[in-house]
Amino acid sequence: MPACPQCQSSHTVKNGRIHNGKQRFKCKACGRQFIEHPTQKRVTPEQIALIDRLLLERLSQAAIARVAQVSESWIESYVAVEAGRIPRQAQVRPKKKAV
């Protein structure tokens, strides 16, 4: 059995399969579920900087996904998280002029 990528414990058990048929394992020590050889690539800080610049250029999310080589669903979730971090602007009303 493979070691847990989080706690390095060798106490792991088989825990079914994922959608594409790869074996899933579960760590008995920390409870984390993982697969032995993940194929998912991490999004690099350079890609995130590129995505931020392209978002400012108002390109579509599909275009940004193609250019940055990430999935459209990743772009959607990234935009949702980043939009939540932007503070809301205050509603300012003009003062009434005295007569």
PDB file of N, CA and C in Angstrom:
ATOM      1  N   MET A   1       0.839  -1.180   0.000  1.00  0.00           N
ATOM      2  CA  MET A   1       0.000   0.000   0.000  1.00  0.00           C
ATOM      3  C   MET A   1       0.889   1.251   0.000  1.00  0.00           C
ATOM      4  N   PRO A   2       0.435   2.292  -0.701  1.00  0.00           N
ATOM      5  CA  PRO A   2       1.231   3.529  -0.728  1.00  0.00           C
ATOM      6  C   PRO A   2       1.140   4.293   0.596  1.00  0.00           C
ATOM      7  N   ALA A   3       2.154   5.109   0.852  1.00  0.00           N
ATOM      8  CA  ALA A   3       2.153   5.934   2.063  1.00  0.00           C
ATOM      9  C   ALA A   3       1.238   7.137   1.857  1.00  0.00           C
ATOM     10  N   CYS A   4       0.683   7.642   2.944  1.00  0.00           N
ATOM     11  CA  CYS A   4      -0.199   8.802   2.900  1.00  0.00           C
ATOM     12  C   CYS A   4       0.609  10.047   2.518  1.00  0.00           C
ATOM     13  N   PRO A   5       0.142  10.835   1.541  1.00  0.00           N
ATOM     14  CA  PRO A   5       0.889  12.033   1.154  1.00  0.00           C
ATOM     15  C   PRO A   5       0.840  13.142   2.205  1.00  0.00           C
ATOM     16  N   GLN A   6      -0.106  13.061   3.144  1.00  0.00           N
ATOM     17  CA  GLN A   6      -0.226  14.111   4.161  1.00  0.00           C
ATOM     18  C   GLN A   6       0.603  13.813   5.410  1.00  0.00           C
ATOM     19  N   CYS A   7       0.456  12.599   5.957  1.00  0.00           N
ATOM     20  CA  CYS A   7       1.140  12.281   7.217  1.00  0.00           C
ATOM     21  C   CYS A   7       2.243  11.237   7.054  1.00  0.00           C
ATOM     22  N   GLN A   8       2.432  10.729   5.853  1.00  0.00           N
ATOM     23  CA  GLN A   8       3.471   9.739   5.526  1.00  0.00           C
ATOM     24  C   GLN A   8       3.276   8.397   6.221  1.00  0.00           C
ATOM     25  N   SER A   9       2.091   8.133   6.764  1.00  0.00           N
ATOM     26  CA  SER A   9       1.805   6.873   7.430  1.00  0.00           C
ATOM     27  C   SER A   9       1.673   5.758   6.388  1.00  0.00           C
ATOM     28  N   SER A  10       2.098   4.561   6.762  1.00  0.00           N
ATOM     29  CA  SER A  10       1.952   3.415   5.858  1.00  0.00           C
ATOM     30  C   SER A  10       0.684   2.619   6.163  1.00  0.00           C
ATOM     31  N   HIS A  11      -0.127   3.092   7.109  1.00  0.00           N
ATOM     32  CA  HIS A  11      -1.379   2.424   7.474  1.00  0.00           C
ATOM     33  C   HIS A  11      -2.501   2.932   6.567  1.00  0.00           C
ATOM     34  N   THR A  12      -2.530   2.424   5.345  1.00  0.00           N
ATOM     35  CA  THR A  12      -3.550   2.829   4.384  1.00  0.00           C
ATOM     36  C   THR A  12      -4.316   1.599   3.921  1.00  0.00           C
ATOM     37  N   VAL A  13      -5.553   1.828   3.492  1.00  0.00           N
ATOM     38  CA  VAL A  13      -6.395   0.747   2.988  1.00  0.00           C
ATOM     39  C   VAL A  13      -7.029   1.183   1.673  1.00  0.00           C
ATOM     40  N   LYS A  14      -7.403   0.222   0.853  1.00  0.00           N
ATOM     41  CA  LYS A  14      -8.118   0.530  -0.379  1.00  0.00           C
ATOM     42  C   LYS A  14      -9.488   1.089  -0.017  1.00  0.00           C
ATOM     43  N   ASN A  15      -9.946   2.067  -0.825  1.00  0.00           N
ATOM     44  CA  ASN A  15     -11.211   2.722  -0.507  1.00  0.00           C
ATOM     45  C   ASN A  15     -11.984   3.034  -1.788  1.00  0.00           C
ATOM     46  N   GLY A  16     -12.212   2.025  -2.609  1.00  0.00           N
ATOM     47  CA  GLY A  16     -12.987   2.199  -3.827  1.00  0.00           C
ATOM     48  C   GLY A  16     -12.158   2.747  -4.977  1.00  0.00           C
ATOM     49  N   ARG A  17     -12.865   3.266  -5.974  1.00  0.00           N
ATOM     50  CA  ARG A  17     -12.212   3.818  -7.155  1.00  0.00           C
ATOM     51  C   ARG A  17     -12.822   5.172  -7.481  1.00  0.00           C
ATOM     52  N   ILE A  18     -12.042   6.015  -8.175  1.00  0.00           N
ATOM     53  CA  ILE A  18     -12.561   7.310  -8.593  1.00  0.00           C
ATOM     54  C   ILE A  18     -13.239   7.163  -9.943  1.00  0.00           C
ATOM     55  N   HIS A  19     -13.770   8.265 -10.479  1.00  0.00           N
ATOM     56  CA  HIS A  19     -14.590   8.242 -11.687  1.00  0.00           C
ATOM     57  C   HIS A  19     -13.915   7.620 -12.896  1.00  0.00           C
ATOM     58  N   ASN A  20     -12.581   7.695 -12.981  1.00  0.00           N
ATOM     59  CA  ASN A  20     -11.906   7.137 -14.154  1.00  0.00           C
ATOM     60  C   ASN A  20     -11.307   5.762 -13.879  1.00  0.00           C
ATOM     61  N   GLY A  21     -11.650   5.148 -12.755  1.00  0.00           N
ATOM     62  CA  GLY A  21     -11.231   3.783 -12.464  1.00  0.00           C
ATOM     63  C   GLY A  21      -9.964   3.653 -11.647  1.00  0.00           C
ATOM     64  N   LYS A  22      -9.310   4.740 -11.290  1.00  0.00           N
ATOM     65  CA  LYS A  22      -8.086   4.659 -10.491  1.00  0.00           C
ATOM     66  C   LYS A  22      -8.430   4.289  -9.057  1.00  0.00           C
ATOM     67  N   GLN A  23      -7.544   3.507  -8.447  1.00  0.00           N
ATOM     68  CA  GLN A  23      -7.746   3.059  -7.068  1.00  0.00           C
ATOM     69  C   GLN A  23      -7.629   4.229  -6.094  1.00  0.00           C
ATOM     70  N   ARG A  24      -8.586   4.303  -5.170  1.00  0.00           N
ATOM     71  CA  ARG A  24      -8.548   5.316  -4.117  1.00  0.00           C
ATOM     72  C   ARG A  24      -8.113   4.630  -2.826  1.00  0.00           C
ATOM     73  N   PHE A  25      -7.325   5.335  -2.018  1.00  0.00           N
ATOM     74  CA  PHE A  25      -6.860   4.819  -0.739  1.00  0.00           C
ATOM     75  C   PHE A  25      -7.303   5.752   0.373  1.00  0.00           C
ATOM     76  N   LYS A  26      -7.367   5.214   1.602  1.00  0.00           N
ATOM     77  CA  LYS A  26      -7.698   6.021   2.766  1.00  0.00           C
ATOM     78  C   LYS A  26      -6.649   5.745   3.845  1.00  0.00           C
ATOM     79  N   CYS A  27      -6.171   6.822   4.459  1.00  0.00           N
ATOM     80  CA  CYS A  27      -5.191   6.708   5.532  1.00  0.00           C
ATOM     81  C   CYS A  27      -5.919   6.421   6.837  1.00  0.00           C
ATOM     82  N   LYS A  28      -5.510   5.358   7.532  1.00  0.00           N
ATOM     83  CA  LYS A  28      -6.140   5.009   8.806  1.00  0.00           C
ATOM     84  C   LYS A  28      -5.696   5.958   9.914  1.00  0.00           C
ATOM     85  N   ALA A  29      -4.546   6.616   9.724  1.00  0.00           N
ATOM     86  CA  ALA A  29      -4.014   7.508  10.766  1.00  0.00           C
ATOM     87  C   ALA A  29      -4.696   8.873  10.749  1.00  0.00           C
ATOM     88  N   CYS A  30      -4.769   9.527   9.569  1.00  0.00           N
ATOM     89  CA  CYS A  30      -5.318  10.888   9.522  1.00  0.00           C
ATOM     90  C   CYS A  30      -6.668  10.980   8.816  1.00  0.00           C
ATOM     91  N   GLY A  31      -7.093   9.917   8.122  1.00  0.00           N
ATOM     92  CA  GLY A  31      -8.395   9.904   7.478  1.00  0.00           C
ATOM     93  C   GLY A  31      -8.420  10.481   6.074  1.00  0.00           C
ATOM     94  N   ARG A  32      -7.291  10.937   5.567  1.00  0.00           N
ATOM     95  CA  ARG A  32      -7.260  11.537   4.233  1.00  0.00           C
ATOM     96  C   ARG A  32      -7.467  10.467   3.159  1.00  0.00           C
ATOM     97  N   GLN A  33      -8.227  10.835   2.119  1.00  0.00           N
ATOM     98  CA  GLN A  33      -8.388   9.964   0.962  1.00  0.00           C
ATOM     99  C   GLN A  33      -7.495  10.478  -0.152  1.00  0.00           C
ATOM    100  N   PHE A  34      -6.879   9.566  -0.907  1.00  0.00           N
ATOM    101  CA  PHE A  34      -5.967   9.972  -1.970  1.00  0.00           C
ATOM    102  C   PHE A  34      -5.850   8.869  -2.997  1.00  0.00           C
ATOM    103  N   ILE A  35      -5.308   9.209  -4.166  1.00  0.00           N
ATOM    104  CA  ILE A  35      -4.956   8.207  -5.169  1.00  0.00           C
ATOM    105  C   ILE A  35      -3.438   8.171  -5.255  1.00  0.00           C
ATOM    106  N   GLU A  36      -2.901   7.055  -5.740  1.00  0.00           N
ATOM    107  CA  GLU A  36      -1.456   6.847  -5.682  1.00  0.00           C
ATOM    108  C   GLU A  36      -0.688   7.774  -6.616  1.00  0.00           C
ATOM    109  N   HIS A  37      -1.120   7.896  -7.854  1.00  0.00           N
ATOM    110  CA  HIS A  37      -0.406   8.727  -8.824  1.00  0.00           C
ATOM    111  C   HIS A  37      -1.363   9.763  -9.411  1.00  0.00           C
ATOM    112  N   PRO A  38      -1.575  10.889  -8.720  1.00  0.00           N
ATOM    113  CA  PRO A  38      -2.511  11.895  -9.256  1.00  0.00           C
ATOM    114  C   PRO A  38      -1.948  12.541 -10.517  1.00  0.00           C
ATOM    115  N   THR A  39      -2.833  12.815 -11.471  1.00  0.00           N
ATOM    116  CA  THR A  39      -2.394  13.426 -12.726  1.00  0.00           C
ATOM    117  C   THR A  39      -2.737  14.903 -12.785  1.00  0.00           C
ATOM    118  N   GLN A  40      -3.458  15.389 -11.787  1.00  0.00           N
ATOM    119  CA  GLN A  40      -3.881  16.793 -11.787  1.00  0.00           C
ATOM    120  C   GLN A  40      -2.677  17.688 -11.516  1.00  0.00           C
ATOM    121  N   LYS A  41      -2.509  18.685 -12.381  1.00  0.00           N
ATOM    122  CA  LYS A  41      -1.411  19.633 -12.207  1.00  0.00           C
ATOM    123  C   LYS A  41      -1.867  20.785 -11.322  1.00  0.00           C
ATOM    124  N   ARG A  42      -0.953  21.317 -10.564  1.00  0.00           N
ATOM    125  CA  ARG A  42      -1.232  22.489  -9.740  1.00  0.00           C
ATOM    126  C   ARG A  42      -1.179  23.736 -10.614  1.00  0.00           C
ATOM    127  N   VAL A  43      -1.955  24.735 -10.264  1.00  0.00           N
ATOM    128  CA  VAL A  43      -1.920  26.014 -10.967  1.00  0.00           C
ATOM    129  C   VAL A  43      -0.785  26.824 -10.354  1.00  0.00           C
ATOM    130  N   THR A  44       0.167  27.231 -11.182  1.00  0.00           N
ATOM    131  CA  THR A  44       1.359  27.922 -10.699  1.00  0.00           C
ATOM    132  C   THR A  44       1.052  29.391 -10.403  1.00  0.00           C
ATOM    133  N   PRO A  45       1.869  30.027  -9.582  1.00  0.00           N
ATOM    134  CA  PRO A  45       1.690  31.467  -9.343  1.00  0.00           C
ATOM    135  C   PRO A  45       1.794  32.296 -10.626  1.00  0.00           C
ATOM    136  N   GLU A  46       2.612  31.852 -11.577  1.00  0.00           N
ATOM    137  CA  GLU A  46       2.715  32.557 -12.855  1.00  0.00           C
ATOM    138  C   GLU A  46       1.399  32.481 -13.626  1.00  0.00           C
ATOM    139  N   GLN A  47       0.748  31.314 -13.596  1.00  0.00           N
ATOM    140  CA  GLN A  47      -0.544  31.171 -14.266  1.00  0.00           C
ATOM    141  C   GLN A  47      -1.594  32.062 -13.600  1.00  0.00           C
ATOM    142  N   ILE A  48      -1.573  32.141 -12.273  1.00  0.00           N
ATOM    143  CA  ILE A  48      -2.546  32.973 -11.562  1.00  0.00           C
ATOM    144  C   ILE A  48      -2.332  34.443 -11.907  1.00  0.00           C
ATOM    145  N   ALA A  49      -1.059  34.873 -12.001  1.00  0.00           N
ATOM    146  CA  ALA A  49      -0.775  36.261 -12.382  1.00  0.00           C
ATOM    147  C   ALA A  49      -1.290  36.537 -13.793  1.00  0.00           C
ATOM    148  N   LEU A  50      -1.104  35.586 -14.707  1.00  0.00           N
ATOM    149  CA  LEU A  50      -1.605  35.728 -16.081  1.00  0.00           C
ATOM    150  C   LEU A  50      -3.129  35.804 -16.083  1.00  0.00           C
ATOM    151  N   ILE A  51      -3.772  34.948 -15.297  1.00  0.00           N
ATOM    152  CA  ILE A  51      -5.234  34.943 -15.226  1.00  0.00           C
ATOM    153  C   ILE A  51      -5.743  36.272 -14.696  1.00  0.00           C
ATOM    154  N   ASP A  52      -5.092  36.801 -13.665  1.00  0.00           N
ATOM    155  CA  ASP A  52      -5.500  38.106 -13.121  1.00  0.00           C
ATOM    156  C   ASP A  52      -5.388  39.200 -14.176  1.00  0.00           C
ATOM    157  N   ARG A  53      -4.294  39.198 -14.955  1.00  0.00           N
ATOM    158  CA  ARG A  53      -4.133  40.213 -16.008  1.00  0.00           C
ATOM    159  C   ARG A  53      -5.197  40.061 -17.089  1.00  0.00           C
ATOM    160  N   LEU A  54      -5.500  38.827 -17.464  1.00  0.00           N
ATOM    161  CA  LEU A  54      -6.501  38.590 -18.503  1.00  0.00           C
ATOM    162  C   LEU A  54      -7.903  38.950 -18.012  1.00  0.00           C
ATOM    163  N   LEU A  55      -8.177  38.743 -16.732  1.00  0.00           N
ATOM    164  CA  LEU A  55      -9.476  39.147 -16.187  1.00  0.00           C
ATOM    165  C   LEU A  55      -9.638  40.657 -16.250  1.00  0.00           C
ATOM    166  N   LEU A  56      -8.563  41.389 -16.004  1.00  0.00           N
ATOM    167  CA  LEU A  56      -8.618  42.849 -16.099  1.00  0.00           C
ATOM    168  C   LEU A  56      -8.844  43.318 -17.530  1.00  0.00           C
ATOM    169  N   GLU A  57      -8.419  42.505 -18.500  1.00  0.00           N
ATOM    170  CA  GLU A  57      -8.633  42.829 -19.913  1.00  0.00           C
ATOM    171  C   GLU A  57     -10.036  42.462 -20.382  1.00  0.00           C
ATOM    172  N   ARG A  58     -10.833  41.911 -19.463  1.00  0.00           N
ATOM    173  CA  ARG A  58     -12.231  41.556 -19.719  1.00  0.00           C
ATOM    174  C   ARG A  58     -12.396  40.498 -20.807  1.00  0.00           C
ATOM    175  N   LEU A  59     -11.478  39.527 -20.855  1.00  0.00           N
ATOM    176  CA  LEU A  59     -11.642  38.387 -21.750  1.00  0.00           C
ATOM    177  C   LEU A  59     -12.662  37.431 -21.145  1.00  0.00           C
ATOM    178  N   SER A  60     -13.252  36.599 -21.986  1.00  0.00           N
ATOM    179  CA  SER A  60     -14.215  35.623 -21.476  1.00  0.00           C
ATOM    180  C   SER A  60     -13.482  34.566 -20.649  1.00  0.00           C
ATOM    181  N   GLN A  61     -14.230  33.916 -19.775  1.00  0.00           N
ATOM    182  CA  GLN A  61     -13.625  32.875 -18.945  1.00  0.00           C
ATOM    183  C   GLN A  61     -13.147  31.703 -19.797  1.00  0.00           C
ATOM    184  N   ALA A  62     -13.852  31.413 -20.871  1.00  0.00           N
ATOM    185  CA  ALA A  62     -13.436  30.335 -21.763  1.00  0.00           C
ATOM    186  C   ALA A  62     -12.106  30.670 -22.433  1.00  0.00           C
ATOM    187  N   ALA A  63     -11.953  31.923 -22.862  1.00  0.00           N
ATOM    188  CA  ALA A  63     -10.703  32.341 -23.495  1.00  0.00           C
ATOM    189  C   ALA A  63      -9.550  32.292 -22.503  1.00  0.00           C
ATOM    190  N   ILE A  64      -9.802  32.739 -21.276  1.00  0.00           N
ATOM    191  CA  ILE A  64      -8.762  32.717 -20.253  1.00  0.00           C
ATOM    192  C   ILE A  64      -8.354  31.276 -19.947  1.00  0.00           C
ATOM    193  N   ALA A  65      -9.326  30.375 -19.883  1.00  0.00           N
ATOM    194  CA  ALA A  65      -9.029  28.964 -19.623  1.00  0.00           C
ATOM    195  C   ALA A  65      -8.151  28.380 -20.726  1.00  0.00           C
ATOM    196  N   ARG A  66      -8.441  28.733 -21.976  1.00  0.00           N
ATOM    197  CA  ARG A  66      -7.620  28.238 -23.089  1.00  0.00           C
ATOM    198  C   ARG A  66      -6.196  28.770 -23.007  1.00  0.00           C
ATOM    199  N   VAL A  67      -6.052  30.067 -22.760  1.00  0.00           N
ATOM    200  CA  VAL A  67      -4.733  30.691 -22.738  1.00  0.00           C
ATOM    201  C   VAL A  67      -3.904  30.182 -21.557  1.00  0.00           C
ATOM    202  N   ALA A  68      -4.515  30.108 -20.381  1.00  0.00           N
ATOM    203  CA  ALA A  68      -3.791  29.721 -19.166  1.00  0.00           C
ATOM    204  C   ALA A  68      -3.686  28.208 -18.998  1.00  0.00           C
ATOM    205  N   GLN A  69      -4.356  27.451 -19.854  1.00  0.00           N
ATOM    206  CA  GLN A  69      -4.361  25.991 -19.828  1.00  0.00           C
ATOM    207  C   GLN A  69      -4.869  25.441 -18.497  1.00  0.00           C
ATOM    208  N   VAL A  70      -6.013  25.982 -18.067  1.00  0.00           N
ATOM    209  CA  VAL A  70      -6.720  25.464 -16.898  1.00  0.00           C
ATOM    210  C   VAL A  70      -8.174  25.229 -17.318  1.00  0.00           C
ATOM    211  N   SER A  71      -8.936  24.545 -16.478  1.00  0.00           N
ATOM    212  CA  SER A  71     -10.322  24.255 -16.841  1.00  0.00           C
ATOM    213  C   SER A  71     -11.205  25.484 -16.615  1.00  0.00           C
ATOM    214  N   GLU A  72     -12.293  25.536 -17.361  1.00  0.00           N
ATOM    215  CA  GLU A  72     -13.252  26.636 -17.195  1.00  0.00           C
ATOM    216  C   GLU A  72     -13.859  26.607 -15.796  1.00  0.00           C
ATOM    217  N   SER A  73     -14.097  25.416 -15.262  1.00  0.00           N
ATOM    218  CA  SER A  73     -14.680  25.337 -13.918  1.00  0.00           C
ATOM    219  C   SER A  73     -13.710  25.876 -12.871  1.00  0.00           C
ATOM    220  N   TRP A  74     -12.393  25.687 -13.082  1.00  0.00           N
ATOM    221  CA  TRP A  74     -11.415  26.243 -12.143  1.00  0.00           C
ATOM    222  C   TRP A  74     -11.460  27.767 -12.201  1.00  0.00           C
ATOM    223  N   ILE A  75     -11.562  28.332 -13.419  1.00  0.00           N
ATOM    224  CA  ILE A  75     -11.649  29.783 -13.586  1.00  0.00           C
ATOM    225  C   ILE A  75     -12.891  30.313 -12.869  1.00  0.00           C
ATOM    226  N   GLU A  76     -14.036  29.633 -13.042  1.00  0.00           N
ATOM    227  CA  GLU A  76     -15.276  30.070 -12.402  1.00  0.00           C
ATOM    228  C   GLU A  76     -15.137  30.103 -10.889  1.00  0.00           C
ATOM    229  N   SER A  77     -14.567  29.056 -10.313  1.00  0.00           N
ATOM    230  CA  SER A  77     -14.433  29.033  -8.852  1.00  0.00           C
ATOM    231  C   SER A  77     -13.413  30.059  -8.385  1.00  0.00           C
ATOM    232  N   TYR A  78     -12.344  30.289  -9.147  1.00  0.00           N
ATOM    233  CA  TYR A  78     -11.342  31.294  -8.788  1.00  0.00           C
ATOM    234  C   TYR A  78     -11.965  32.690  -8.796  1.00  0.00           C
ATOM    235  N   VAL A  79     -12.752  32.991  -9.822  1.00  0.00           N
ATOM    236  CA  VAL A  79     -13.409  34.299  -9.914  1.00  0.00           C
ATOM    237  C   VAL A  79     -14.386  34.478  -8.745  1.00  0.00           C
ATOM    238  N   ALA A  80     -15.116  33.438  -8.391  1.00  0.00           N
ATOM    239  CA  ALA A  80     -16.072  33.533  -7.287  1.00  0.00           C
ATOM    240  C   ALA A  80     -15.357  33.813  -5.965  1.00  0.00           C
ATOM    241  N   VAL A  81     -14.242  33.138  -5.730  1.00  0.00           N
ATOM    242  CA  VAL A  81     -13.488  33.357  -4.492  1.00  0.00           C
ATOM    243  C   VAL A  81     -12.903  34.769  -4.471  1.00  0.00           C
ATOM    244  N   GLU A  82     -12.322  35.197  -5.578  1.00  0.00           N
ATOM    245  CA  GLU A  82     -11.712  36.531  -5.635  1.00  0.00           C
ATOM    246  C   GLU A  82     -12.769  37.629  -5.527  1.00  0.00           C
ATOM    247  N   ALA A  83     -13.933  37.410  -6.109  1.00  0.00           N
ATOM    248  CA  ALA A  83     -14.999  38.418  -6.028  1.00  0.00           C
ATOM    249  C   ALA A  83     -15.477  38.573  -4.587  1.00  0.00           C
ATOM    250  N   GLY A  84     -15.449  37.495  -3.821  1.00  0.00           N
ATOM    251  CA  GLY A  84     -15.844  37.568  -2.422  1.00  0.00           C
ATOM    252  C   GLY A  84     -14.875  38.363  -1.567  1.00  0.00           C
ATOM    253  N   ARG A  85     -13.639  38.489  -2.025  1.00  0.00           N
ATOM    254  CA  ARG A  85     -12.623  39.227  -1.269  1.00  0.00           C
ATOM    255  C   ARG A  85     -12.670  40.726  -1.509  1.00  0.00           C
ATOM    256  N   ILE A  86     -13.364  41.154  -2.552  1.00  0.00           N
ATOM    257  CA  ILE A  86     -13.421  42.579  -2.879  1.00  0.00           C
ATOM    258  C   ILE A  86     -14.430  43.245  -1.957  1.00  0.00           C
ATOM    259  N   PRO A  87     -14.020  44.301  -1.243  1.00  0.00           N
ATOM    260  CA  PRO A  87     -14.977  44.968  -0.351  1.00  0.00           C
ATOM    261  C   PRO A  87     -16.051  45.693  -1.159  1.00  0.00           C
ATOM    262  N   ARG A  88     -17.255  45.687  -0.626  1.00  0.00           N
ATOM    263  CA  ARG A  88     -18.353  46.385  -1.295  1.00  0.00           C
ATOM    264  C   ARG A  88     -18.155  47.882  -1.162  1.00  0.00           C
ATOM    265  N   GLN A  89     -18.500  48.605  -2.217  1.00  0.00           N
ATOM    266  CA  GLN A  89     -18.358  50.056  -2.177  1.00  0.00           C
ATOM    267  C   GLN A  89     -19.556  50.659  -1.456  1.00  0.00           C
ATOM    268  N   ALA A  90     -19.305  51.749  -0.758  1.00  0.00           N
ATOM    269  CA  ALA A  90     -20.374  52.428  -0.037  1.00  0.00           C
ATOM    270  C   ALA A  90     -21.274  53.172  -1.019  1.00  0.00           C
ATOM    271  N   GLN A  91     -22.537  53.190  -0.729  1.00  0.00           N
ATOM    272  CA  GLN A  91     -23.491  53.933  -1.542  1.00  0.00           C
ATOM    273  C   GLN A  91     -23.451  55.390  -1.096  1.00  0.00           C
ATOM    274  N   VAL A  92     -22.989  56.286  -1.933  1.00  0.00           N
ATOM    275  CA  VAL A  92     -22.860  57.701  -1.591  1.00  0.00           C
ATOM    276  C   VAL A  92     -23.928  58.476  -2.342  1.00  0.00           C
ATOM    277  N   ARG A  93     -24.677  59.269  -1.581  1.00  0.00           N
ATOM    278  CA  ARG A  93     -25.714  60.096  -2.193  1.00  0.00           C
ATOM    279  C   ARG A  93     -25.236  61.541  -2.185  1.00  0.00           C
ATOM    280  N   PRO A  94     -25.510  62.288  -3.229  1.00  0.00           N
ATOM    281  CA  PRO A  94     -25.093  63.700  -3.232  1.00  0.00           C
ATOM    282  C   PRO A  94     -25.903  64.493  -2.213  1.00  0.00           C
ATOM    283  N   LYS A  95     -25.255  65.499  -1.635  1.00  0.00           N
ATOM    284  CA  LYS A  95     -25.941  66.348  -0.659  1.00  0.00           C
ATOM    285  C   LYS A  95     -26.943  67.243  -1.370  1.00  0.00           C
ATOM    286  N   LYS A  96     -28.038  67.521  -0.681  1.00  0.00           N
ATOM    287  CA  LYS A  96     -29.015  68.452  -1.236  1.00  0.00           C
ATOM    288  C   LYS A  96     -28.494  69.863  -1.021  1.00  0.00           C
ATOM    289  N   LYS A  97     -28.635  70.686  -2.024  1.00  0.00           N
ATOM    290  CA  LYS A  97     -28.170  72.069  -1.924  1.00  0.00           C
ATOM    291  C   LYS A  97     -29.177  72.899  -1.144  1.00  0.00           C
ATOM    292  N   ALA A  98     -28.634  73.748  -0.309  1.00  0.00           N
ATOM    293  CA  ALA A  98     -29.498  74.645   0.469  1.00  0.00           C
ATOM    294  C   ALA A  98     -29.989  75.770  -0.424  1.00  0.00           C
ATOM    295  N   VAL A  99     -31.219  76.148  -0.241  1.00  0.00           N
ATOM    296  CA  VAL A  99     -31.809  77.208  -1.065  1.00  0.00           C
ATOM    297  C   VAL A  99     -31.700  78.534  -0.405  1.00  0.00           C
TER     298      VAL A  99
END
